[in-house]
Amino acid sequence: MPKNAPKPAAPAAGAAAEKKVLRLGLPAGSLQEATIDLFAKAGWGFSVDKRSYYPRGDDAEIESILIRAQEMSRYVEQGALDAGLTGMDWIMENGSDVKVVADLVYSKQRRSPVRWVIAVPEASDIKSVKDLQGKRIATELVKGTERYLAKHGVKAEVEFSWGATEVKCPRLVDAIVDVTETGSSLRANKLRILETIVESHTQFIANKAAWADPWKRAKIERLALMLQGALNAKEKVGLKLNVAEKDLEAVVKLLPSLKGPTISPLHSKGWFAVETIIDEAVVRRLIPDLKSAGAEGIIEYPLNKVIP
């Protein structure tokens, strides 16, 4: 280098720092819409293009991909994904060694577990699991079904079903093992539930190496906290009302709450503001009772998150 040549400029601060990203799997299929909605309530927006499996998110620290719930735990275990959401049933089916970060009890239609059930035609003479000896069963949950049969000392042929499982019984198989929330689809196909072999709900899982990484763990824990908060807010509402001191005790006795209502004195002497969180299902009964007990200015409002 010539004697008077300028020295190379130093790299900008942080220029060489590696961008930190969490690779997140979102379940494609039946859980997709409910999951995207849950993340939106938790504070993370994802936009899904029907032609792409890579949702666009509003958090630069998250790279997301849509993957079938059946496969999610395998990719999380292998480290292709840092974290993901899938059913407990598929974690068990795949035998995946992952960190379960949070139980998120929601499904396609409602906030409740789903059931894997043995179903047979309404007119079938199969009355119990013992009657499945030597029969043919179609299901997506092959290993789980085989374990259940073995537990009851039953040997049967269990074949993998690629979908539309209900239609295969009775022409192609003697029974099916299928997932259900309400049982309505099975009834519509003239099938009778014999037994429940397992209940399942959504779980937020992490790769164990990712969980050991301080930055990724902190990111995953924040996601889990806010997702649980969004779930806690489902089917709940906030309630505000004003009440005179003489009616306060009677009104408060009517109010269910997480830890008791918040009560604050108003500027007008002898009046109080009361605020609480309640189950939405009781509102139609509770508000008229509160009004009769002396409450005024009653306001019901929706909630996005409830963090205990």
C-alpha atoms as a PDB file:
ATOM      1  CA  MET A   1       0.000   0.000   0.000  1.00  0.00           C
ATOM      2  CA  PRO A   2       1.424   3.470  -0.865  1.00  0.00           C
ATOM      3  CA  LYS A   3       2.673   5.493   2.084  1.00  0.00           C
ATOM      4  CA  ASN A   4      -0.079   8.133   1.908  1.00  0.00           C
ATOM      5  CA  ALA A   5      -2.938   5.865   0.843  1.00  0.00           C
ATOM      6  CA  PRO A   6      -6.114   6.185   2.976  1.00  0.00           C
ATOM      7  CA  LYS A   7      -6.867   3.370   5.383  1.00  0.00           C
ATOM      8  CA  PRO A   8      -9.903   1.190   4.678  1.00  0.00           C
ATOM      9  CA  ALA A   9     -13.019   2.367   6.532  1.00  0.00           C
ATOM     10  CA  ALA A  10     -13.996   0.383   9.604  1.00  0.00           C
ATOM     11  CA  PRO A  11     -17.188  -1.630   9.229  1.00  0.00           C
ATOM     12  CA  ALA A  12     -20.305   0.023  10.601  1.00  0.00           C
ATOM     13  CA  ALA A  13     -21.240  -1.011  14.109  1.00  0.00           C
ATOM     14  CA  GLY A  14     -23.310  -4.183  14.039  1.00  0.00           C
ATOM     15  CA  ALA A  15     -22.832  -4.693  10.286  1.00  0.00           C
ATOM     16  CA  ALA A  16     -21.194  -8.056  10.824  1.00  0.00           C
ATOM     17  CA  ALA A  17     -23.729  -9.139  13.428  1.00  0.00           C
ATOM     18  CA  GLU A  18     -25.840 -12.054  12.327  1.00  0.00           C
ATOM     19  CA  LYS A  19     -29.539 -11.347  12.017  1.00  0.00           C
ATOM     20  CA  LYS A  20     -31.463 -13.199  14.697  1.00  0.00           C
ATOM     21  CA  VAL A  21     -34.504 -15.045  13.356  1.00  0.00           C
ATOM     22  CA  LEU A  22     -36.942 -17.528  14.838  1.00  0.00           C
ATOM     23  CA  ARG A  23     -38.133 -20.151  12.335  1.00  0.00           C
ATOM     24  CA  LEU A  24     -41.772 -20.750  13.194  1.00  0.00           C
ATOM     25  CA  GLY A  25     -44.074 -23.453  11.847  1.00  0.00           C
ATOM     26  CA  LEU A  26     -47.777 -22.620  11.538  1.00  0.00           C
ATOM     27  CA  PRO A  27     -50.235 -25.494  11.004  1.00  0.00           C
ATOM     28  CA  ALA A  28     -51.724 -25.680   7.513  1.00  0.00           C
ATOM     29  CA  GLY A  29     -55.182 -27.125   6.992  1.00  0.00           C
ATOM     30  CA  SER A  30     -57.986 -27.259   9.535  1.00  0.00           C
ATOM     31  CA  LEU A  31     -56.133 -25.346  12.258  1.00  0.00           C
ATOM     32  CA  GLN A  32     -54.736 -22.658   9.961  1.00  0.00           C
ATOM     33  CA  GLU A  33     -57.476 -20.044  10.210  1.00  0.00           C
ATOM     34  CA  ALA A  34     -57.918 -20.439  13.974  1.00  0.00           C
ATOM     35  CA  THR A  35     -54.139 -20.171  14.495  1.00  0.00           C
ATOM     36  CA  ILE A  36     -53.712 -17.054  12.339  1.00  0.00           C
ATOM     37  CA  ASP A  37     -56.615 -15.462  14.224  1.00  0.00           C
ATOM     38  CA  LEU A  38     -55.068 -16.386  17.581  1.00  0.00           C
ATOM     39  CA  PHE A  39     -51.728 -14.833  16.615  1.00  0.00           C
ATOM     40  CA  ALA A  40     -53.526 -11.659  15.491  1.00  0.00           C
ATOM     41  CA  LYS A  41     -55.192 -11.346  18.902  1.00  0.00           C
ATOM     42  CA  ALA A  42     -51.811 -11.998  20.531  1.00  0.00           C
ATOM     43  CA  GLY A  43     -50.272  -9.116  18.549  1.00  0.00           C
ATOM     44  CA  TRP A  44     -48.607 -10.823  15.572  1.00  0.00           C
ATOM     45  CA  GLY A  45     -50.174 -10.369  12.150  1.00  0.00           C
ATOM     46  CA  PHE A  46     -49.698 -12.911   9.347  1.00  0.00           C
ATOM     47  CA  SER A  47     -50.954 -12.501   5.803  1.00  0.00           C
ATOM     48  CA  VAL A  48     -51.429 -15.745   3.854  1.00  0.00           C
ATOM     49  CA  ASP A  49     -51.300 -15.889   0.056  1.00  0.00           C
ATOM     50  CA  LYS A  50     -53.243 -18.883  -1.265  1.00  0.00           C
ATOM     51  CA  ARG A  51     -50.383 -19.596  -3.691  1.00  0.00           C
ATOM     52  CA  SER A  52     -47.637 -19.521  -1.067  1.00  0.00           C
ATOM     53  CA  TYR A  53     -46.744 -21.531   2.013  1.00  0.00           C
ATOM     54  CA  TYR A  54     -44.720 -18.624   3.445  1.00  0.00           C
ATOM     55  CA  PRO A  55     -46.998 -16.192   5.317  1.00  0.00           C
ATOM     56  CA  ARG A  56     -45.929 -12.563   5.457  1.00  0.00           C
ATOM     57  CA  GLY A  57     -45.596 -11.407   9.052  1.00  0.00           C
ATOM     58  CA  ASP A  58     -45.192  -8.032  10.751  1.00  0.00           C
ATOM     59  CA  ASP A  59     -42.263  -9.184  12.934  1.00  0.00           C
ATOM     60  CA  ALA A  60     -38.874  -9.140  11.191  1.00  0.00           C
ATOM     61  CA  GLU A  61     -37.515 -11.568  13.796  1.00  0.00           C
ATOM     62  CA  ILE A  62     -39.889 -14.361  12.724  1.00  0.00           C
ATOM     63  CA  GLU A  63     -39.747 -16.435   9.537  1.00  0.00           C
ATOM     64  CA  SER A  64     -42.895 -18.540   9.212  1.00  0.00           C
ATOM     65  CA  ILE A  65     -43.918 -21.466   7.064  1.00  0.00           C
ATOM     66  CA  LEU A  66     -47.181 -23.394   6.751  1.00  0.00           C
ATOM     67  CA  ILE A  67     -46.716 -27.108   7.449  1.00  0.00           C
ATOM     68  CA  ARG A  68     -49.277 -29.851   8.033  1.00  0.00           C
ATOM     69  CA  ALA A  69     -49.792 -30.450  11.742  1.00  0.00           C
ATOM     70  CA  GLN A  70     -49.125 -34.153  11.163  1.00  0.00           C
ATOM     71  CA  GLU A  71     -45.511 -33.383  10.178  1.00  0.00           C
ATOM     72  CA  MET A  72     -44.754 -30.376  12.384  1.00  0.00           C
ATOM     73  CA  SER A  73     -43.172 -32.132  15.360  1.00  0.00           C
ATOM     74  CA  ARG A  74     -40.692 -34.023  13.143  1.00  0.00           C
ATOM     75  CA  TYR A  75     -39.344 -30.823  11.603  1.00  0.00           C
ATOM     76  CA  VAL A  76     -39.150 -29.125  15.001  1.00  0.00           C
ATOM     77  CA  GLU A  77     -37.308 -32.114  16.485  1.00  0.00           C
ATOM     78  CA  GLN A  78     -34.859 -32.182  13.563  1.00  0.00           C
ATOM     79  CA  GLY A  79     -34.137 -28.439  13.896  1.00  0.00           C
ATOM     80  CA  ALA A  80     -35.501 -27.405  10.501  1.00  0.00           C
ATOM     81  CA  LEU A  81     -37.903 -25.304  12.584  1.00  0.00           C
ATOM     82  CA  ASP A  82     -37.177 -23.657  15.937  1.00  0.00           C
ATOM     83  CA  ALA A  83     -40.787 -23.822  17.113  1.00  0.00           C
ATOM     84  CA  GLY A  84     -44.260 -24.662  15.905  1.00  0.00           C
ATOM     85  CA  LEU A  85     -47.859 -25.406  16.784  1.00  0.00           C
ATOM     86  CA  THR A  86     -49.312 -28.875  16.409  1.00  0.00           C
ATOM     87  CA  GLY A  87     -51.574 -31.347  18.126  1.00  0.00           C
ATOM     88  CA  MET A  88     -50.453 -33.430  21.078  1.00  0.00           C
ATOM     89  CA  ASP A  89     -51.743 -36.414  19.116  1.00  0.00           C
ATOM     90  CA  TRP A  90     -49.208 -35.913  16.306  1.00  0.00           C
ATOM     91  CA  ILE A  91     -46.318 -35.441  18.732  1.00  0.00           C
ATOM     92  CA  MET A  92     -47.214 -38.823  20.232  1.00  0.00           C
ATOM     93  CA  GLU A  93     -47.787 -40.421  16.824  1.00  0.00           C
ATOM     94  CA  ASN A  94     -44.356 -39.287  15.586  1.00  0.00           C
ATOM     95  CA  GLY A  95     -42.623 -40.034  18.886  1.00  0.00           C
ATOM     96  CA  SER A  96     -40.980 -36.608  18.653  1.00  0.00           C
ATOM     97  CA  ASP A  97     -38.521 -35.466  21.329  1.00  0.00           C
ATOM     98  CA  VAL A  98     -39.410 -31.773  21.628  1.00  0.00           C
ATOM     99  CA  LYS A  99     -39.888 -29.159  24.339  1.00  0.00           C
ATOM    100  CA  VAL A 100     -43.562 -28.520  25.066  1.00  0.00           C
ATOM    101  CA  VAL A 101     -43.668 -24.801  25.830  1.00  0.00           C
ATOM    102  CA  ALA A 102     -47.398 -24.302  26.322  1.00  0.00           C
ATOM    103  CA  ASP A 103     -50.735 -26.069  26.107  1.00  0.00           C
ATOM    104  CA  LEU A 104     -53.050 -24.049  23.869  1.00  0.00           C
ATOM    105  CA  VAL A 105     -56.494 -25.562  24.122  1.00  0.00           C
ATOM    106  CA  TYR A 106     -58.232 -24.560  20.914  1.00  0.00           C
ATOM    107  CA  SER A 107     -59.356 -26.336  17.766  1.00  0.00           C
ATOM    108  CA  LYS A 108     -60.958 -25.584  14.413  1.00  0.00           C
ATOM    109  CA  GLN A 109     -64.418 -24.735  15.726  1.00  0.00           C
ATOM    110  CA  ARG A 110     -64.145 -24.038  19.424  1.00  0.00           C
ATOM    111  CA  ARG A 111     -61.915 -23.828  22.467  1.00  0.00           C
ATOM    112  CA  SER A 112     -61.896 -27.457  23.518  1.00  0.00           C
ATOM    113  CA  PRO A 113     -59.881 -30.639  22.950  1.00  0.00           C
ATOM    114  CA  VAL A 114     -60.564 -32.901  19.977  1.00  0.00           C
ATOM    115  CA  ARG A 115     -61.129 -36.652  20.273  1.00  0.00           C
ATOM    116  CA  TRP A 116     -59.825 -39.567  18.246  1.00  0.00           C
ATOM    117  CA  VAL A 117     -62.647 -42.085  18.272  1.00  0.00           C
ATOM    118  CA  ILE A 118     -63.359 -45.562  16.980  1.00  0.00           C
ATOM    119  CA  ALA A 119     -66.464 -45.386  14.799  1.00  0.00           C
ATOM    120  CA  VAL A 120     -68.489 -48.143  13.130  1.00  0.00           C
ATOM    121  CA  PRO A 121     -71.639 -48.180  10.973  1.00  0.00           C
ATOM    122  CA  GLU A 122     -74.845 -47.539  12.913  1.00  0.00           C
ATOM    123  CA  ALA A 123     -76.128 -51.053  12.092  1.00  0.00           C
ATOM    124  CA  SER A 124     -72.822 -52.807  12.865  1.00  0.00           C
ATOM    125  CA  ASP A 125     -72.810 -55.654  15.381  1.00  0.00           C
ATOM    126  CA  ILE A 126     -69.461 -54.357  16.727  1.00  0.00           C
ATOM    127  CA  LYS A 127     -70.253 -53.201  20.277  1.00  0.00           C
ATOM    128  CA  SER A 128     -66.829 -52.864  21.920  1.00  0.00           C
ATOM    129  CA  VAL A 129     -63.135 -52.723  21.116  1.00  0.00           C
ATOM    130  CA  LYS A 130     -62.930 -56.502  21.720  1.00  0.00           C
ATOM    131  CA  ASP A 131     -65.221 -57.048  18.716  1.00  0.00           C
ATOM    132  CA  LEU A 132     -62.542 -55.531  16.444  1.00  0.00           C
ATOM    133  CA  GLN A 133     -60.459 -58.709  16.651  1.00  0.00           C
ATOM    134  CA  GLY A 134     -59.378 -59.612  13.100  1.00  0.00           C
ATOM    135  CA  LYS A 135     -61.159 -56.598  11.588  1.00  0.00           C
ATOM    136  CA  ARG A 136     -59.811 -53.944   9.219  1.00  0.00           C
ATOM    137  CA  ILE A 137     -59.531 -50.342  10.473  1.00  0.00           C
ATOM    138  CA  ALA A 138     -58.660 -47.191   8.490  1.00  0.00           C
ATOM    139  CA  THR A 139     -57.088 -44.150  10.161  1.00  0.00           C
ATOM    140  CA  GLU A 140     -54.427 -41.457   9.894  1.00  0.00           C
ATOM    141  CA  LEU A 141     -53.410 -42.199  13.488  1.00  0.00           C
ATOM    142  CA  VAL A 142     -51.945 -45.624  12.800  1.00  0.00           C
ATOM    143  CA  LYS A 143     -49.472 -45.979  15.676  1.00  0.00           C
ATOM    144  CA  GLY A 144     -51.871 -44.534  18.242  1.00  0.00           C
ATOM    145  CA  THR A 145     -54.569 -46.948  17.114  1.00  0.00           C
ATOM    146  CA  GLU A 146     -52.206 -49.923  17.222  1.00  0.00           C
ATOM    147  CA  ARG A 147     -51.142 -49.008  20.760  1.00  0.00           C
ATOM    148  CA  TYR A 148     -54.767 -48.751  21.887  1.00  0.00           C
ATOM    149  CA  LEU A 149     -55.662 -52.113  20.371  1.00  0.00           C
ATOM    150  CA  ALA A 150     -52.595 -53.765  21.912  1.00  0.00           C
ATOM    151  CA  LYS A 151     -53.561 -52.338  25.310  1.00  0.00           C
ATOM    152  CA  HIS A 152     -56.882 -54.209  25.011  1.00  0.00           C
ATOM    153  CA  GLY A 153     -55.326 -57.396  23.627  1.00  0.00           C
ATOM    154  CA  VAL A 154     -56.889 -56.952  20.177  1.00  0.00           C
ATOM    155  CA  LYS A 155     -55.184 -57.828  16.900  1.00  0.00           C
ATOM    156  CA  ALA A 156     -56.589 -56.081  13.836  1.00  0.00           C
ATOM    157  CA  GLU A 157     -55.356 -54.785  10.484  1.00  0.00           C
ATOM    158  CA  VAL A 158     -54.770 -51.033  10.757  1.00  0.00           C
ATOM    159  CA  GLU A 159     -54.239 -49.262   7.450  1.00  0.00           C
ATOM    160  CA  PHE A 160     -53.273 -45.650   6.808  1.00  0.00           C
ATOM    161  CA  SER A 161     -56.019 -43.446   5.411  1.00  0.00           C
ATOM    162  CA  TRP A 162     -55.109 -40.565   3.111  1.00  0.00           C
ATOM    163  CA  GLY A 163     -58.323 -38.705   3.952  1.00  0.00           C
ATOM    164  CA  ALA A 164     -62.111 -38.923   3.544  1.00  0.00           C
ATOM    165  CA  THR A 165     -61.912 -41.648   6.156  1.00  0.00           C
ATOM    166  CA  GLU A 166     -65.656 -41.650   6.961  1.00  0.00           C
ATOM    167  CA  VAL A 167     -66.616 -42.824   3.471  1.00  0.00           C
ATOM    168  CA  LYS A 168     -64.531 -46.004   3.741  1.00  0.00           C
ATOM    169  CA  CYS A 169     -66.803 -47.608   6.306  1.00  0.00           C
ATOM    170  CA  PRO A 170     -68.467 -50.102   5.804  1.00  0.00           C
ATOM    171  CA  ARG A 171     -67.662 -50.866   2.137  1.00  0.00           C
ATOM    172  CA  LEU A 172     -63.875 -50.819   2.419  1.00  0.00           C
ATOM    173  CA  VAL A 173     -63.183 -51.328   6.123  1.00  0.00           C
ATOM    174  CA  ASP A 174     -65.008 -52.541   9.221  1.00  0.00           C
ATOM    175  CA  ALA A 175     -64.252 -49.494  11.378  1.00  0.00           C
ATOM    176  CA  ILE A 176     -62.398 -46.211  11.353  1.00  0.00           C
ATOM    177  CA  VAL A 177     -60.475 -44.153  13.872  1.00  0.00           C
ATOM    178  CA  ASP A 178     -61.046 -40.489  13.136  1.00  0.00           C
ATOM    179  CA  VAL A 179     -60.742 -37.124  14.831  1.00  0.00           C
ATOM    180  CA  THR A 180     -63.850 -35.224  15.849  1.00  0.00           C
ATOM    181  CA  GLU A 181     -64.890 -32.129  17.790  1.00  0.00           C
ATOM    182  CA  THR A 182     -68.663 -32.543  17.924  1.00  0.00           C
ATOM    183  CA  GLY A 183     -69.312 -35.922  16.257  1.00  0.00           C
ATOM    184  CA  SER A 184     -71.634 -34.269  13.709  1.00  0.00           C
ATOM    185  CA  SER A 185     -69.657 -35.398  10.646  1.00  0.00           C
ATOM    186  CA  LEU A 186     -69.665 -38.996  11.848  1.00  0.00           C
ATOM    187  CA  ARG A 187     -73.407 -38.917  12.475  1.00  0.00           C
ATOM    188  CA  ALA A 188     -73.974 -37.397   9.041  1.00  0.00           C
ATOM    189  CA  ASN A 189     -72.184 -40.400   7.543  1.00  0.00           C
ATOM    190  CA  LYS A 190     -74.317 -42.822   9.596  1.00  0.00           C
ATOM    191  CA  LEU A 191     -71.456 -43.814  11.872  1.00  0.00           C
ATOM    192  CA  ARG A 192     -71.646 -44.605  15.578  1.00  0.00           C
ATOM    193  CA  ILE A 193     -68.875 -43.730  18.038  1.00  0.00           C
ATOM    194  CA  LEU A 194     -67.654 -46.840  19.816  1.00  0.00           C
ATOM    195  CA  GLU A 195     -64.903 -45.516  22.078  1.00  0.00           C
ATOM    196  CA  THR A 196     -62.542 -42.571  22.477  1.00  0.00           C
ATOM    197  CA  ILE A 197     -58.927 -43.667  22.217  1.00  0.00           C
ATOM    198  CA  VAL A 198     -57.260 -40.323  22.985  1.00  0.00           C
ATOM    199  CA  GLU A 199     -58.047 -36.651  23.525  1.00  0.00           C
ATOM    200  CA  SER A 200     -55.763 -34.024  22.034  1.00  0.00           C
ATOM    201  CA  HIS A 201     -55.247 -30.274  21.946  1.00  0.00           C
ATOM    202  CA  THR A 202     -52.813 -27.868  20.330  1.00  0.00           C
ATOM    203  CA  GLN A 203     -49.365 -27.480  21.846  1.00  0.00           C
ATOM    204  CA  PHE A 204     -46.672 -24.858  21.254  1.00  0.00           C
ATOM    205  CA  ILE A 205     -43.431 -26.817  20.902  1.00  0.00           C
ATOM    206  CA  ALA A 206     -39.766 -25.939  20.483  1.00  0.00           C
ATOM    207  CA  ASN A 207     -36.625 -27.621  19.250  1.00  0.00           C
ATOM    208  CA  LYS A 208     -34.448 -28.426  22.271  1.00  0.00           C
ATOM    209  CA  ALA A 209     -31.360 -26.714  20.840  1.00  0.00           C
ATOM    210  CA  ALA A 210     -33.410 -23.603  20.067  1.00  0.00           C
ATOM    211  CA  TRP A 211     -34.806 -23.695  23.609  1.00  0.00           C
ATOM    212  CA  ALA A 212     -31.230 -23.727  24.936  1.00  0.00           C
ATOM    213  CA  ASP A 213     -30.400 -20.581  22.937  1.00  0.00           C
ATOM    214  CA  PRO A 214     -31.082 -17.551  25.218  1.00  0.00           C
ATOM    215  CA  TRP A 215     -32.372 -15.251  22.461  1.00  0.00           C
ATOM    216  CA  LYS A 216     -34.623 -17.852  20.845  1.00  0.00           C
ATOM    217  CA  ARG A 217     -35.944 -19.040  24.199  1.00  0.00           C
ATOM    218  CA  ALA A 218     -36.856 -15.480  25.211  1.00  0.00           C
ATOM    219  CA  LYS A 219     -38.631 -14.960  21.888  1.00  0.00           C
ATOM    220  CA  ILE A 220     -40.536 -18.239  22.218  1.00  0.00           C
ATOM    221  CA  GLU A 221     -41.538 -17.463  25.814  1.00  0.00           C
ATOM    222  CA  ARG A 222     -42.895 -14.054  24.786  1.00  0.00           C
ATOM    223  CA  LEU A 223     -44.927 -15.660  22.026  1.00  0.00           C
ATOM    224  CA  ALA A 224     -46.268 -18.294  24.418  1.00  0.00           C
ATOM    225  CA  LEU A 225     -47.254 -15.711  27.044  1.00  0.00           C
ATOM    226  CA  MET A 226     -49.164 -13.582  24.547  1.00  0.00           C
ATOM    227  CA  LEU A 227     -50.826 -16.569  22.859  1.00  0.00           C
ATOM    228  CA  GLN A 228     -52.037 -17.834  26.223  1.00  0.00           C
ATOM    229  CA  GLY A 229     -53.251 -14.339  27.043  1.00  0.00           C
ATOM    230  CA  ALA A 230     -55.218 -14.234  23.793  1.00  0.00           C
ATOM    231  CA  LEU A 231     -56.755 -17.634  24.545  1.00  0.00           C
ATOM    232  CA  ASN A 232     -57.668 -16.533  28.067  1.00  0.00           C
ATOM    233  CA  ALA A 233     -59.537 -13.573  26.556  1.00  0.00           C
ATOM    234  CA  LYS A 234     -61.666 -15.765  24.294  1.00  0.00           C
ATOM    235  CA  GLU A 235     -65.220 -16.142  25.580  1.00  0.00           C
ATOM    236  CA  LYS A 236     -64.604 -13.397  28.167  1.00  0.00           C
ATOM    237  CA  VAL A 237     -65.613  -9.735  28.234  1.00  0.00           C
ATOM    238  CA  GLY A 238     -64.928  -6.715  30.391  1.00  0.00           C
ATOM    239  CA  LEU A 239     -67.739  -5.080  32.333  1.00  0.00           C
ATOM    240  CA  LYS A 240     -67.873  -1.534  33.743  1.00  0.00           C
ATOM    241  CA  LEU A 241     -70.678  -0.042  35.794  1.00  0.00           C
ATOM    242  CA  ASN A 242     -71.509   2.647  38.331  1.00  0.00           C
ATOM    243  CA  VAL A 243     -73.300   1.970  41.594  1.00  0.00           C
ATOM    244  CA  ALA A 244     -74.419   3.918  44.649  1.00  0.00           C
ATOM    245  CA  GLU A 245     -72.760   3.055  47.959  1.00  0.00           C
ATOM    246  CA  LYS A 246     -76.018   1.700  49.380  1.00  0.00           C
ATOM    247  CA  ASP A 247     -76.228  -0.874  46.552  1.00  0.00           C
ATOM    248  CA  LEU A 248     -72.500  -1.678  46.282  1.00  0.00           C
ATOM    249  CA  GLU A 249     -72.456  -4.833  48.383  1.00  0.00           C
ATOM    250  CA  ALA A 250     -75.459  -6.348  46.573  1.00  0.00           C
ATOM    251  CA  VAL A 251     -73.940  -5.623  43.143  1.00  0.00           C
ATOM    252  CA  VAL A 252     -70.476  -6.972  44.020  1.00  0.00           C
ATOM    253  CA  LYS A 253     -71.982 -10.236  45.282  1.00  0.00           C
ATOM    254  CA  LEU A 254     -73.366 -10.846  41.800  1.00  0.00           C
ATOM    255  CA  LEU A 255     -69.998 -10.431  40.063  1.00  0.00           C
ATOM    256  CA  PRO A 256     -67.743 -13.400  39.263  1.00  0.00           C
ATOM    257  CA  SER A 257     -64.149 -12.314  38.658  1.00  0.00           C
ATOM    258  CA  LEU A 258     -60.574 -13.522  38.370  1.00  0.00           C
ATOM    259  CA  LYS A 259     -59.574 -11.992  41.717  1.00  0.00           C
ATOM    260  CA  GLY A 260     -62.503  -9.776  42.617  1.00  0.00           C
ATOM    261  CA  PRO A 261     -63.703  -6.615  40.874  1.00  0.00           C
ATOM    262  CA  THR A 262     -61.852  -3.288  40.852  1.00  0.00           C
ATOM    263  CA  ILE A 263     -63.791  -0.687  42.824  1.00  0.00           C
ATOM    264  CA  SER A 264     -62.973   3.046  42.646  1.00  0.00           C
ATOM    265  CA  PRO A 265     -64.761   6.058  44.191  1.00  0.00           C
ATOM    266  CA  LEU A 266     -66.317   8.472  41.690  1.00  0.00           C
ATOM    267  CA  HIS A 267     -66.163  12.264  41.896  1.00  0.00           C
ATOM    268  CA  SER A 268     -69.817  12.243  42.940  1.00  0.00           C
ATOM    269  CA  LYS A 269     -69.888  11.453  46.662  1.00  0.00           C
ATOM    270  CA  GLY A 270     -71.432   8.111  47.553  1.00  0.00           C
ATOM    271  CA  TRP A 271     -70.910   6.549  44.097  1.00  0.00           C
ATOM    272  CA  PHE A 272     -68.409   3.960  42.901  1.00  0.00           C
ATOM    273  CA  ALA A 273     -67.097   2.649  39.566  1.00  0.00           C
ATOM    274  CA  VAL A 274     -66.848  -1.132  39.361  1.00  0.00           C
ATOM    275  CA  GLU A 275     -64.860  -3.033  36.702  1.00  0.00           C
ATOM    276  CA  THR A 276     -64.431  -6.777  36.214  1.00  0.00           C
ATOM    277  CA  ILE A 277     -63.807  -9.593  33.703  1.00  0.00           C
ATOM    278  CA  ILE A 278     -66.476 -12.257  33.246  1.00  0.00           C
ATOM    279  CA  ASP A 279     -67.407 -15.152  30.976  1.00  0.00           C
ATOM    280  CA  GLU A 280     -69.369 -13.867  27.999  1.00  0.00           C
ATOM    281  CA  ALA A 281     -71.859 -16.715  28.404  1.00  0.00           C
ATOM    282  CA  VAL A 282     -73.215 -15.241  31.656  1.00  0.00           C
ATOM    283  CA  VAL A 283     -73.650 -11.664  30.398  1.00  0.00           C
ATOM    284  CA  ARG A 284     -77.235 -12.090  29.190  1.00  0.00           C
ATOM    285  CA  ARG A 285     -78.274 -13.232  32.665  1.00  0.00           C
ATOM    286  CA  LEU A 286     -75.964 -11.038  34.701  1.00  0.00           C
ATOM    287  CA  ILE A 287     -76.615  -7.573  33.246  1.00  0.00           C
ATOM    288  CA  PRO A 288     -80.373  -7.590  34.001  1.00  0.00           C
ATOM    289  CA  ASP A 289     -79.593  -8.824  37.544  1.00  0.00           C
ATOM    290  CA  LEU A 290     -77.024  -6.038  38.018  1.00  0.00           C
ATOM    291  CA  LYS A 291     -79.522  -3.469  36.802  1.00  0.00           C
ATOM    292  CA  SER A 292     -82.132  -4.758  39.237  1.00  0.00           C
ATOM    293  CA  ALA A 293     -79.565  -4.593  42.058  1.00  0.00           C
ATOM    294  CA  GLY A 294     -78.930  -0.879  41.415  1.00  0.00           C
ATOM    295  CA  ALA A 295     -76.107  -0.764  38.825  1.00  0.00           C
ATOM    296  CA  GLU A 296     -76.148   2.079  36.283  1.00  0.00           C
ATOM    297  CA  GLY A 297     -74.107   3.018  33.194  1.00  0.00           C
ATOM    298  CA  ILE A 298     -73.306  -0.626  32.462  1.00  0.00           C
ATOM    299  CA  ILE A 299     -70.750  -1.082  29.645  1.00  0.00           C
ATOM    300  CA  GLU A 300     -69.675  -4.401  28.130  1.00  0.00           C
ATOM    301  CA  TYR A 301     -66.471  -4.426  26.032  1.00  0.00           C
ATOM    302  CA  PRO A 302     -64.431  -7.101  24.182  1.00  0.00           C
ATOM    303  CA  LEU A 303     -60.968  -8.272  25.261  1.00  0.00           C
ATOM    304  CA  ASN A 304     -57.890  -9.224  23.233  1.00  0.00           C
ATOM    305  CA  LYS A 305     -55.666 -10.597  25.993  1.00  0.00           C
ATOM    306  CA  VAL A 306     -55.972 -11.599  29.642  1.00  0.00           C
ATOM    307  CA  ILE A 307     -52.656 -12.207  31.427  1.00  0.00           C
ATOM    308  CA  PRO A 308     -53.184 -13.666  34.932  1.00  0.00           C
END
